[in-house]
Protein backbone atom coordinates (compact mmCIF):
# COMPACT_ATOMS: atom_id res chain seq x y z
CA UNK A 1 216.23 115.05 44.17
CA UNK A 2 218.59 117.34 42.46
CA UNK A 3 221.41 119.13 44.33
CA UNK A 4 219.30 122.31 44.11
CA UNK A 5 216.70 120.86 46.50
CA UNK A 6 216.41 121.79 50.11
CA UNK A 7 214.98 119.85 53.08
CA UNK A 8 213.08 120.94 56.08
CA UNK A 9 212.76 118.61 59.19
CA UNK A 10 209.63 119.10 61.23
CA UNK A 11 208.90 117.60 64.68
CA UNK A 12 205.23 118.06 65.44
CA UNK A 13 203.82 117.67 68.93
CA UNK A 14 201.73 114.61 69.95
CA UNK A 15 197.93 114.85 69.64
CA UNK A 16 195.51 115.70 66.88
CA UNK A 17 195.48 119.40 67.82
CA UNK A 18 199.22 119.60 66.91
CA UNK A 19 199.60 117.21 64.01
CA UNK A 20 196.76 118.53 61.90
CA UNK A 21 197.86 122.25 61.76
CA UNK A 22 201.54 121.05 61.41
CA UNK A 23 200.66 119.10 58.20
CA UNK A 24 198.47 121.85 56.97
CA UNK A 25 201.16 124.44 57.16
CA UNK A 26 203.68 121.99 55.66
CA UNK A 27 201.44 121.62 52.62
CA UNK A 28 201.25 125.46 52.31
CA UNK A 29 205.02 125.75 52.53
CA UNK A 30 205.48 123.18 49.74
CA UNK A 31 203.10 125.20 47.55
CA UNK A 32 205.16 128.23 48.18
CA UNK A 33 208.35 126.74 46.75
CA UNK A 34 208.93 123.71 44.52
CA UNK A 35 212.51 123.21 45.68
CA UNK A 36 211.40 122.47 49.30
CA UNK A 37 210.74 119.05 50.78
CA UNK A 38 209.61 118.31 54.29
CA UNK A 39 210.15 115.35 56.47
CA UNK A 40 207.92 115.02 59.50
CA UNK A 41 209.31 113.09 62.43
CA UNK A 42 206.29 111.76 64.13
CA UNK A 43 206.11 110.66 67.81
CA UNK A 44 204.19 107.38 67.79
CA UNK A 45 200.53 108.18 68.64
CA UNK A 46 197.40 106.28 67.69
CA UNK A 47 195.64 109.48 67.04
CA UNK A 48 198.26 110.58 64.37
CA UNK A 49 197.99 107.20 62.69
CA UNK A 50 194.23 107.51 62.53
CA UNK A 51 194.47 111.00 61.02
CA UNK A 52 197.10 110.12 58.42
CA UNK A 53 195.09 107.09 57.35
CA UNK A 54 191.82 108.94 57.11
CA UNK A 55 190.22 110.28 53.89
CA UNK A 56 190.88 113.88 54.97
CA UNK A 57 194.64 113.46 54.58
CA UNK A 58 196.13 113.84 51.22
CA UNK A 59 199.76 112.92 50.56
CA UNK A 60 202.27 115.04 48.68
CA UNK A 61 205.45 113.34 47.28
CA UNK A 62 207.53 116.09 48.86
CA UNK A 63 205.91 115.65 52.27
CA UNK A 64 207.24 112.56 54.01
CA UNK A 65 206.13 111.09 57.24
CA UNK A 66 208.60 109.05 59.47
CA UNK A 67 207.22 107.52 62.55
CA UNK A 68 209.74 107.31 65.38
CA UNK A 69 210.00 103.97 67.27
CA UNK A 70 209.21 103.86 71.01
CA UNK A 71 212.20 104.95 73.17
CA UNK A 72 214.00 102.44 75.23
CA UNK A 73 212.80 101.89 78.74
CA UNK A 74 214.77 103.53 81.38
CA UNK A 75 215.82 106.55 79.34
CA UNK A 76 215.69 109.49 81.66
CA UNK A 77 214.62 112.93 80.49
CA UNK A 78 216.98 115.83 80.28
CA UNK A 79 217.44 118.16 83.29
CA UNK A 80 214.89 120.60 81.82
CA UNK A 81 212.01 118.15 82.66
CA UNK A 82 212.94 116.49 85.92
CA UNK A 83 209.64 116.96 87.54
CA UNK A 84 207.15 115.48 90.03
CA UNK A 85 204.17 117.16 88.22
CA UNK A 86 201.15 115.00 87.32
CA UNK A 87 199.83 117.63 84.81
CA UNK A 88 199.08 116.18 81.38
CA UNK A 89 201.04 118.96 79.55
CA UNK A 90 204.13 118.40 81.68
CA UNK A 91 203.86 114.63 81.11
CA UNK A 92 203.79 115.39 77.35
CA UNK A 93 206.87 117.33 77.63
CA UNK A 94 208.72 114.53 79.38
CA UNK A 95 207.49 112.00 76.95
CA UNK A 96 208.67 114.10 73.94
CA UNK A 97 212.06 114.62 75.70
CA UNK A 98 212.54 110.78 75.75
CA UNK A 99 212.46 110.79 71.99
CA UNK A 100 215.53 113.05 71.57
CA UNK A 101 218.06 110.33 70.85
CA UNK A 102 215.62 108.93 68.14
CA UNK A 103 215.29 112.31 66.55
CA UNK A 104 219.09 112.74 66.58
CA UNK A 105 219.45 109.36 64.84
CA UNK A 106 216.74 110.26 62.23
CA UNK A 107 218.23 113.60 61.38
CA UNK A 108 221.63 111.94 60.92
CA UNK A 109 220.09 109.43 58.60
CA UNK A 110 218.23 112.09 56.50
CA UNK A 111 221.51 114.08 56.17
CA UNK A 112 223.44 111.08 55.07
CA UNK A 113 220.87 109.59 52.69
CA UNK A 114 219.51 112.63 50.86
CA UNK A 115 221.28 114.83 48.43
CA UNK A 116 219.28 117.88 49.44
CA UNK A 117 220.55 120.32 52.01
CA UNK A 118 218.84 120.47 55.39
CA UNK A 119 218.06 124.23 55.76
CA UNK A 120 215.68 124.26 58.76
CA UNK A 121 214.58 122.40 61.81
CA UNK A 122 210.89 123.06 62.92
CA UNK A 123 209.82 122.00 66.46
CA UNK A 124 206.39 122.22 67.91
CA UNK A 125 205.84 124.30 71.05
CA UNK A 126 205.75 121.01 73.06
CA UNK A 127 209.03 119.75 71.49
CA UNK A 128 211.41 122.60 72.33
CA UNK A 129 213.97 120.29 73.89
CA UNK A 130 214.64 119.02 70.39
CA UNK A 131 216.26 122.23 69.55
CA UNK A 132 219.39 120.69 71.17
CA UNK A 133 219.51 118.31 68.17
CA UNK A 134 219.35 121.24 65.71
CA UNK A 135 222.20 122.88 67.45
CA UNK A 136 224.32 119.73 67.30
CA UNK A 137 224.00 119.74 63.59
CA UNK A 138 224.16 123.52 63.19
CA UNK A 139 220.74 123.74 61.62
CA UNK A 140 218.64 126.89 62.05
CA UNK A 141 215.76 126.13 64.24
CA UNK A 142 212.23 127.42 64.09
CA UNK A 143 209.26 127.15 66.49
CA UNK A 144 205.73 126.11 65.39
CA UNK A 145 203.36 127.59 67.97
CA UNK A 146 200.04 125.82 67.72
CA UNK A 147 198.30 128.07 70.33
CA UNK A 148 197.45 131.70 69.85
CA UNK A 149 199.61 134.68 70.09
CA UNK A 150 197.74 135.49 73.34
CA UNK A 151 199.41 132.52 75.05
CA UNK A 152 202.72 133.25 73.65
CA UNK A 153 202.63 136.83 74.96
CA UNK A 154 201.46 135.58 78.44
CA UNK A 155 204.42 133.18 78.38
CA UNK A 156 206.96 135.92 77.72
CA UNK A 157 205.39 138.13 80.44
CA UNK A 158 205.77 135.27 83.01
CA UNK A 159 209.38 134.59 81.84
CA UNK A 160 210.32 138.18 82.38
CA UNK A 161 208.80 138.27 85.90
CA UNK A 162 210.67 135.03 86.68
CA UNK A 163 214.06 135.69 85.19
CA UNK A 164 214.37 139.45 85.44
CA UNK A 165 212.29 140.26 88.50
CA UNK A 166 212.98 137.19 90.46
CA UNK A 167 209.30 136.52 91.18
CA UNK A 168 207.88 133.01 91.82
CA UNK A 169 204.85 132.97 89.61
CA UNK A 170 203.42 129.94 91.32
CA UNK A 171 202.54 132.18 94.26
CA UNK A 172 199.84 133.77 92.08
CA UNK A 173 197.81 130.52 92.13
CA UNK A 174 194.22 131.31 93.36
CA UNK A 175 195.17 135.01 93.77
CA UNK A 176 193.20 138.06 92.47
CA UNK A 177 196.45 139.34 91.00
CA UNK A 178 196.26 140.95 87.50
CA UNK A 179 198.99 141.57 84.96
CA UNK A 180 199.77 143.96 82.11
CA UNK A 181 200.48 141.62 79.19
CA UNK A 182 201.77 142.98 75.89
CA UNK A 183 199.07 143.46 73.27
CA UNK A 184 196.16 142.90 75.62
CA UNK A 185 193.71 145.77 76.12
CA UNK A 186 192.54 144.63 79.60
CA UNK A 187 194.62 143.38 82.60
CA UNK A 188 194.91 139.64 82.48
CA UNK A 189 193.87 137.95 85.83
CA UNK A 190 196.03 135.22 87.28
CA UNK A 191 193.04 133.09 87.45
CA UNK A 192 193.17 132.53 83.76
CA UNK A 193 196.92 131.41 83.76
CA UNK A 194 197.49 127.84 82.69
CA UNK A 195 197.79 125.39 85.50
CA UNK A 196 201.18 124.43 84.23
CA UNK A 197 202.60 127.87 84.97
CA UNK A 198 201.29 127.81 88.49
CA UNK A 199 202.50 124.32 89.33
CA UNK A 200 205.06 124.07 92.08
CA UNK A 201 206.07 120.51 91.22
CA UNK A 202 208.06 121.35 88.16
CA UNK A 203 205.37 122.49 85.79
CA UNK A 204 206.23 126.08 86.09
CA UNK A 205 210.02 125.50 85.61
CA UNK A 206 209.19 123.53 82.45
CA UNK A 207 207.02 126.27 81.11
CA UNK A 208 209.70 128.91 81.72
CA UNK A 209 212.38 126.68 80.15
CA UNK A 210 210.13 126.48 76.97
CA UNK A 211 209.77 130.25 77.00
CA UNK A 212 213.54 130.67 77.10
CA UNK A 213 214.14 128.22 74.29
CA UNK A 214 211.48 130.02 72.10
CA UNK A 215 213.36 133.21 72.38
CA UNK A 216 216.56 131.57 71.04
CA UNK A 217 214.88 130.25 67.85
CA UNK A 218 215.38 131.66 64.39
CA UNK A 219 211.73 132.47 64.04
CA UNK A 220 208.29 131.59 65.38
CA UNK A 221 205.30 130.88 63.15
CA UNK A 222 201.91 130.91 64.96
CA UNK A 223 198.51 129.26 64.02
CA UNK A 224 196.75 132.56 64.12
CA UNK A 225 196.08 135.53 61.76
CA UNK A 226 196.90 139.21 62.05
CA UNK A 227 193.35 140.42 62.09
CA UNK A 228 192.40 138.13 64.99
CA UNK A 229 195.17 139.30 67.33
CA UNK A 230 196.60 142.47 65.75
CA UNK A 231 197.71 144.19 69.00
CA UNK A 232 199.41 141.12 70.41
CA UNK A 233 201.23 140.30 67.16
CA UNK A 234 202.48 143.78 66.80
CA UNK A 235 203.67 143.96 70.40
CA UNK A 236 205.52 140.64 69.92
CA UNK A 237 207.05 141.77 66.73
CA UNK A 238 208.14 145.16 68.21
CA UNK A 239 209.55 143.75 71.47
CA UNK A 240 212.27 145.87 73.23
CA UNK A 241 215.86 145.02 73.66
CA UNK A 242 215.23 143.56 77.16
CA UNK A 243 212.79 140.93 75.77
CA UNK A 244 213.92 140.62 72.16
CA UNK A 245 211.87 138.11 70.26
CA UNK A 246 212.61 136.31 67.00
CA UNK A 247 210.62 137.24 63.89
CA UNK A 248 206.97 136.43 64.22
CA UNK A 249 204.98 134.91 61.33
CA UNK A 250 201.13 134.73 61.67
CA UNK A 251 200.37 132.01 59.21
CA UNK A 252 196.86 130.78 60.27
CA UNK A 253 194.21 129.79 60.48
CA UNK A 254 195.66 126.38 59.68
CA UNK A 255 192.55 124.11 59.42
CA UNK A 256 191.77 120.90 57.69
CA UNK A 257 188.83 122.25 55.75
CA UNK A 258 187.66 118.75 54.46
CA UNK A 259 184.29 119.43 56.14
CA UNK A 260 182.42 116.55 54.40
CA UNK A 261 181.76 114.18 57.28
CA UNK A 262 182.23 110.40 57.23
CA UNK A 263 179.15 108.32 56.41
CA UNK A 264 178.90 107.33 60.11
CA UNK A 265 177.97 110.97 60.84
CA UNK A 266 175.28 111.26 58.16
CA UNK A 267 172.41 111.04 60.58
CA UNK A 268 173.81 114.07 62.53
CA UNK A 269 174.02 116.18 59.35
CA UNK A 270 170.54 114.98 58.30
CA UNK A 271 169.15 116.10 61.62
CA UNK A 272 170.75 119.48 61.25
CA UNK A 273 169.31 119.81 57.74
CA UNK A 274 165.92 119.79 59.30
CA UNK A 275 166.47 122.61 61.78
CA UNK A 276 165.92 126.32 61.13
CA UNK A 277 168.78 128.57 60.31
CA UNK A 278 171.13 129.49 63.24
CA UNK A 279 168.72 127.78 65.69
CA UNK A 280 170.90 125.05 67.10
CA UNK A 281 173.47 125.47 69.92
CA UNK A 282 176.40 123.06 69.52
CA UNK A 283 178.18 121.80 72.64
CA UNK A 284 181.60 120.14 72.26
CA UNK A 285 184.55 120.14 74.60
CA UNK A 286 187.37 118.60 72.66
CA UNK A 287 188.99 115.13 72.30
CA UNK A 288 190.34 115.29 75.88
CA UNK A 289 187.56 117.35 77.63
CA UNK A 290 184.89 116.15 79.98
CA UNK A 291 182.95 116.93 83.08
CA UNK A 292 181.99 115.35 86.44
CA UNK A 293 178.71 113.53 86.50
CA UNK A 294 177.23 116.21 88.71
CA UNK A 295 178.25 118.90 86.27
CA UNK A 296 176.78 117.01 83.28
CA UNK A 297 173.42 116.82 85.12
CA UNK A 298 173.43 120.63 85.57
CA UNK A 299 174.35 121.18 81.85
CA UNK A 300 171.50 118.83 80.88
CA UNK A 301 169.00 120.67 83.00
CA UNK A 302 170.21 124.06 81.58
CA UNK A 303 169.64 122.80 78.00
CA UNK A 304 166.11 121.48 78.92
CA UNK A 305 165.09 124.67 80.67
CA UNK A 306 166.43 126.91 77.86
CA UNK A 307 164.15 125.38 75.28
CA UNK A 308 166.78 125.84 72.63
CA UNK A 309 167.54 123.26 69.98
CA UNK A 310 170.93 121.64 70.72
CA UNK A 311 173.42 119.19 69.58
CA UNK A 312 175.59 117.90 72.53
CA UNK A 313 178.69 115.94 72.13
CA UNK A 314 178.74 114.31 75.61
CA UNK A 315 181.66 112.85 77.45
CA UNK A 316 182.26 112.10 80.99
CA UNK A 317 185.52 113.40 82.68
CA UNK A 318 188.55 111.17 81.83
CA UNK A 319 186.51 109.18 79.28
CA UNK A 320 188.68 107.92 76.46
CA UNK A 321 186.13 106.00 74.15
CA UNK A 322 183.44 107.28 71.94
CA UNK A 323 180.41 105.90 73.82
CA UNK A 324 177.63 108.17 74.94
CA UNK A 325 177.23 107.95 78.79
CA UNK A 326 173.51 108.47 78.75
CA UNK A 327 173.16 106.88 82.20
CA UNK A 328 174.50 110.05 83.82
CA UNK A 329 171.95 112.36 82.28
CA UNK A 330 169.01 113.69 84.30
CA UNK A 331 166.38 111.03 84.51
CA UNK A 332 163.97 111.24 81.45
CA UNK A 333 166.16 113.97 79.82
CA UNK A 334 166.31 112.20 76.43
CA UNK A 335 162.49 111.62 76.38
CA UNK A 336 161.63 115.18 77.38
CA UNK A 337 164.02 116.72 74.73
CA UNK A 338 163.20 114.28 71.93
CA UNK A 339 162.82 116.33 68.73
CA UNK A 340 164.46 119.41 70.31
CA UNK A 341 167.98 118.16 70.77
CA UNK A 342 170.46 115.42 70.11
CA UNK A 343 173.03 113.84 72.33
CA UNK A 344 175.97 112.30 70.42
CA UNK A 345 179.39 110.95 71.08
CA UNK A 346 182.25 112.01 68.69
CA UNK A 347 181.31 115.06 66.57
CA UNK A 348 182.51 116.09 63.17
CA UNK A 349 183.23 119.57 64.49
CA UNK A 350 184.24 121.40 61.37
CA UNK A 351 181.18 120.01 59.46
CA UNK A 352 178.78 120.88 62.25
CA UNK A 353 180.16 124.41 62.70
CA UNK A 354 179.87 125.18 59.03
CA UNK A 355 176.23 124.03 58.89
CA UNK A 356 173.69 126.84 58.43
CA UNK A 357 171.52 125.58 61.37
CA UNK A 358 174.21 126.07 63.98
CA UNK A 359 173.89 129.45 65.75
CA UNK A 360 176.20 129.16 68.70
CA UNK A 361 178.97 127.01 70.08
CA UNK A 362 179.54 126.22 73.78
CA UNK A 363 183.29 125.40 73.69
CA UNK A 364 186.31 124.62 75.87
CA UNK A 365 188.22 127.20 73.87
CA UNK A 366 190.96 124.96 72.62
CA UNK A 367 192.74 127.02 69.98
CA UNK A 368 191.86 124.96 67.08
CA UNK A 369 188.19 125.21 68.20
CA UNK A 370 188.49 128.92 68.42
CA UNK A 371 189.87 129.19 64.92
CA UNK A 372 187.19 126.81 63.46
CA UNK A 373 184.50 128.92 65.18
CA UNK A 374 185.87 132.10 63.72
CA UNK A 375 186.28 130.52 60.29
CA UNK A 376 182.51 129.62 60.33
CA UNK A 377 181.45 132.80 61.93
CA UNK A 378 179.86 131.09 64.87
CA UNK A 379 179.80 132.93 68.29
CA UNK A 380 180.97 131.07 71.32
CA UNK A 381 180.14 130.48 74.99
CA UNK A 382 183.41 130.12 76.70
CA UNK A 383 183.83 127.20 79.14
CA UNK A 384 187.63 126.26 79.33
CA UNK A 385 188.87 123.12 80.89
CA UNK A 386 192.68 122.85 80.86
CA UNK A 387 196.07 123.80 79.25
CA UNK A 388 195.95 127.47 77.88
CA UNK A 389 192.18 127.48 77.39
CA UNK A 390 191.45 129.85 80.20
CA UNK A 391 193.60 132.67 78.59
CA UNK A 392 191.95 131.85 75.26
CA UNK A 393 188.49 132.16 76.79
CA UNK A 394 189.52 135.46 78.37
CA UNK A 395 190.65 136.71 75.00
CA UNK A 396 187.54 135.82 73.04
CA UNK A 397 185.24 137.18 75.75
CA UNK A 398 186.98 140.34 77.07
CA UNK A 399 189.38 141.28 74.22
CA UNK A 400 187.59 140.27 70.97
CA UNK A 401 183.87 140.17 72.09
CA UNK A 402 183.10 137.09 69.92
CA UNK A 403 182.00 134.99 72.95
CA UNK A 404 179.91 135.16 76.06
CA UNK A 405 181.15 133.78 79.33
CA UNK A 406 180.09 130.60 81.01
CA UNK A 407 183.18 130.71 83.38
CA UNK A 408 186.52 131.85 81.86
CA UNK A 409 188.52 130.72 84.94
CA UNK A 410 186.84 127.24 85.16
CA UNK A 411 189.38 124.26 85.32
CA UNK A 412 188.70 120.68 84.65
CA UNK A 413 189.94 119.40 87.98
CA UNK A 414 187.84 121.80 90.03
CA UNK A 415 185.22 120.61 92.55
CA UNK A 416 183.13 123.67 91.61
CA UNK A 417 179.92 122.99 89.73
CA UNK A 418 178.45 125.63 87.55
CA UNK A 419 174.74 125.80 88.17
CA UNK A 420 172.10 125.00 85.59
CA UNK A 421 170.77 128.55 85.91
CA UNK A 422 174.17 130.12 85.11
CA UNK A 423 174.69 127.83 82.13
CA UNK A 424 171.13 128.57 80.87
CA UNK A 425 171.62 132.26 81.05
CA UNK A 426 174.94 132.08 79.02
CA UNK A 427 173.17 130.03 76.36
CA UNK A 428 170.39 132.66 76.15
CA UNK A 429 172.88 135.45 75.75
CA UNK A 430 174.76 133.40 73.16
CA UNK A 431 171.63 132.75 71.02
CA UNK A 432 170.07 136.13 71.14
CA UNK A 433 169.38 137.30 67.57
CA UNK A 434 170.60 140.77 68.25
CA UNK A 435 173.64 139.67 70.17
CA UNK A 436 176.81 141.71 69.63
CA UNK A 437 178.82 138.63 69.66
CA UNK A 438 176.96 137.22 66.61
CA UNK A 439 177.81 140.36 64.67
CA UNK A 440 181.48 140.34 65.69
CA UNK A 441 181.83 136.60 64.94
CA UNK A 442 180.39 137.24 61.41
CA UNK A 443 182.96 140.06 60.89
CA UNK A 444 185.77 137.66 61.98
CA UNK A 445 184.61 135.13 59.48
CA UNK A 446 185.18 137.60 56.67
CA UNK A 447 188.58 138.48 58.11
CA UNK A 448 189.58 134.85 58.55
CA UNK A 449 188.87 134.03 54.93
CA UNK A 450 190.55 137.16 53.58
CA UNK A 451 193.76 136.31 55.52
CA UNK A 452 194.39 133.06 53.63
CA UNK A 453 193.81 134.09 50.08
CA UNK A 454 196.46 135.33 47.70
CA UNK A 455 197.68 138.76 49.00
CA UNK A 456 196.11 138.08 52.40
CA UNK A 457 198.06 138.77 55.64
CA UNK A 458 198.71 135.07 56.39
CA UNK A 459 199.99 134.27 52.92
CA UNK A 460 202.38 137.23 53.17
CA UNK A 461 203.75 135.94 56.48
CA UNK A 462 204.08 132.50 55.01
CA UNK A 463 205.95 133.73 51.90
CA UNK A 464 208.30 135.73 54.13
CA UNK A 465 208.88 132.62 56.39
CA UNK A 466 209.67 130.40 53.42
CA UNK A 467 212.08 132.97 51.98
CA UNK A 468 213.98 133.15 55.31
CA UNK A 469 214.17 129.27 55.38
CA UNK A 470 215.42 129.13 51.82
CA UNK A 471 217.92 131.88 52.50
CA UNK A 472 219.67 129.37 54.83
CA UNK A 473 220.54 127.34 51.77
CA UNK A 474 222.83 130.04 50.42
CA UNK A 475 224.94 130.12 53.54
C-alpha cells in the first residue's frame, strides 16, 4: 500500500445472516473508493467458513479476512453482559464480548504492520462492546445494523422509556400495551417486542446497553432502503435533541445475488420449472427456525387441505442438521401430496424466490428473508419465531401491506399451536390472484431494484458514508 491508502476494520456478527450483508456492503464500499481497504475480523464460526469457501463468495485483494482464534477459557465477559439469560441473542452477545482482547490484539497488529491509516472501526449490532477497542485507539466507530430500521426505532423508544421515564419495560411482557414508535403509522403492540427486551434475567439490560452504545457511534448504516421504510428512516434522521441519533445511512438491500444454486439443488429447480407461473407457495423458516412436532402436523394438514402447490423446507424445532424429518409428518402426507408439493431440507432461498413459479412465501420474517422477498416481488405470510422477527412481521403486515398474517406475535418457545384451519386460511389469502399484497410486493420489487442502481437512494447513502469515513483520514 501507498501512504495515501486508508484502512477500515470491520467486526461482523456471528452467523450467516450477519456475515453475508457485511461482506456485501464491504464490496460496495471498496467499489466506491480505490484508496480504501477493509479487514474483517471474523469470530470463529463454521457457517462463516462454509460461506467464504463457497462458490458464491468472490475475493477482492483489498478485502481481507482474518479469523480470530478461540478465546481462552475462563475469560469473563464485561459488566455489560453479566446475565443469567438463556436466550440465544443474549448468549451471542456474551460470546462476542469474550473476543474483545483478541480484537484489541488484532487491531494493534494491523496498525503496526500496515502503512495505511486506520480511519474507521465498524461493528455489527451484536458486537457493540467492541467499540471500547475503537475508543482505546481513538478510531471513529460506526455501527452496521443488519436488521431493519423498524427494529432500531423500537430499540430507541424502549431506551427512552427505560432511561428517561424510569420504566421497567420487562413489565410489558404478555401485556396488551401499545406504543407510539417513531416512524410507525400504527401503534406497536408489546406482544411483538423481541423476547430479549422483555427478559428479566439480563436480556433487557443487554438490549438497552446496546441501544446506548449505538447512539454514541459516528454513524449507523442499515441493511434497508429508503423506499421500504421511508417514515422510520426520516424519523431516525430527524431525531430531537433529547434522543439525538448519529447520521443514518440506508445502504440496502445487501444481498448475495448469486442465485444460481449448487448442483445438489438442481432437482428442486427442475421441479419448479414444471409448475405454472406464481402457483407455488414456498415455506422456509431460516437456518435456525423450526417447529414442534404437533405444529408441523398442523402445517402439513393445512397444505394438504389448501390444495395449493408447495415447496416446504421442513425442520423440527432445535434441529441442527439438514435431514428431512419426514417421520413427524401426518401419516400418508407424502403419498397424498405427491405431484402437488415437495418436502425438502435446506433450500437455496434466493434462487427459489426468484423463480417464476413461486407466488407466495410463508416466512419467519428474518430481515434478510424480508429483503429477499421484496427484491423478488414475492408476497409473504408472516409467521415469526424469535429475535426481532415479530416486529418485522408487524411491519410487513400492518405498515407495508406486503404480507398477510399467520400470527405476528408467535414465538418459537410457545406452547401455542396454530391450527391447520388458520394456516390454510392465511395461505389462501396469500395466493389469491387479486390479492393487494401481491400488487404491493410487485411495487416494492421495482423500488428495491431502483435503490441500488447508480443514482438510487442506497447508492447515494453509501457514497455519503464512504465520504465521511475518508474524511477521518484528513484529521
